[in-house]
Protein backbone atom coordinates (compact mmCIF):
# COMPACT_ATOMS: atom_id res chain seq x y z
CA MET A 1 2.08 13.51 14.75
CA GLU A 2 0.39 10.92 17.40
CA GLN A 3 -3.05 12.10 16.85
CA GLN A 4 -2.30 11.84 13.18
CA GLN A 5 -1.07 8.09 13.43
CA SER A 6 -4.20 7.24 15.30
CA ILE A 7 -6.49 8.80 12.85
CA SER A 8 -4.36 7.24 9.57
CA ALA A 9 -4.24 3.82 11.75
CA ARG A 10 -8.18 3.90 11.91
CA LEU A 11 -8.89 4.79 8.49
CA TRP A 12 -6.42 2.34 6.97
CA LYS A 13 -7.84 -0.55 9.15
CA GLU A 14 -11.43 0.17 7.50
CA ARG A 15 -10.00 -0.43 4.32
CA ARG A 16 -8.89 -3.95 4.91
CA GLY A 17 -10.80 -6.20 2.64
CA ALA A 18 -11.31 -3.70 -0.11
CA VAL A 19 -10.07 -4.61 -3.52
CA THR A 20 -8.07 -1.75 -5.34
CA GLU A 21 -5.67 -1.16 -8.22
CA ALA A 22 -2.08 -0.21 -7.41
CA ILE A 23 0.87 0.60 -9.45
CA VAL A 24 4.12 -1.39 -8.76
CA LEU A 25 6.88 1.02 -8.13
CA ALA A 26 10.00 -1.04 -6.95
CA PRO A 27 11.02 -4.49 -5.84
CA LEU A 28 11.57 -5.27 -2.10
CA GLU A 29 13.32 -8.44 -0.38
CA GLY A 30 14.77 -9.76 -3.75
CA GLY A 31 11.35 -9.25 -5.89
CA ALA A 32 8.67 -11.61 -3.69
CA ARG A 33 7.58 -8.35 -2.53
CA TRP A 34 7.13 -4.88 -4.13
CA VAL A 35 6.12 -1.31 -2.93
CA GLY A 36 3.75 0.49 -4.95
CA ARG A 37 0.88 3.03 -4.42
CA THR A 38 -2.82 3.11 -4.86
CA SER A 39 -4.46 6.22 -6.83
CA TRP A 40 -5.33 7.76 -3.89
CA GLN A 41 -1.91 7.52 -2.12
CA ALA A 42 0.10 10.47 -3.05
CA PRO A 43 3.90 10.53 -3.18
CA GLU A 44 5.71 12.03 0.11
CA VAL A 45 2.42 12.67 1.63
CA ASP A 46 0.91 9.40 2.30
CA GLY A 47 2.05 5.82 3.04
CA GLU A 48 2.67 3.08 0.49
CA ILE A 49 1.33 -0.22 -0.23
CA VAL A 50 3.34 -3.35 0.27
CA LEU A 51 2.57 -6.10 -2.58
CA GLU A 52 3.24 -9.73 -2.57
CA GLY A 53 3.77 -11.68 -6.05
CA ARG A 54 5.07 -11.24 -9.66
CA ALA A 55 5.44 -8.08 -11.04
CA ARG A 56 7.50 -5.53 -12.67
CA PRO A 57 7.87 -1.83 -12.06
CA GLY A 58 5.18 0.24 -13.42
CA ASP A 59 2.65 -2.55 -13.98
CA LEU A 60 -1.05 -1.75 -12.82
CA VAL A 61 -2.38 -4.55 -10.59
CA ARG A 62 -5.44 -5.37 -8.96
CA VAL A 63 -4.89 -6.01 -5.09
CA GLU A 64 -7.02 -6.90 -1.83
CA ILE A 65 -5.69 -5.02 0.89
CA THR A 66 -5.10 -7.44 3.76
CA GLY A 67 -3.18 -5.60 6.26
CA SER A 68 -2.21 -2.19 7.46
CA SER A 69 0.07 -0.10 9.79
CA GLU A 70 -0.23 3.62 10.88
CA TYR A 71 0.90 4.97 7.25
CA ASP A 72 1.13 1.70 4.89
CA LEU A 73 -0.96 -0.97 3.39
CA GLU A 74 -0.30 -4.48 2.59
């Protein structure tokens, strides 16, 4: 798992600054932040993307990736 964390962190860091599309899944922290997925993030296998802004579950939104951790994007 340590090796995978290192690989994943490096790959996600390389995506910072990229613009992509994500589907909004559910609200976090009262609706100002959302959890979503890009088309290349599979449920239960890959991480998620934390989104900021106004949205509703099911919305497809264009996002800029501004941050990352070992498994998730922001």
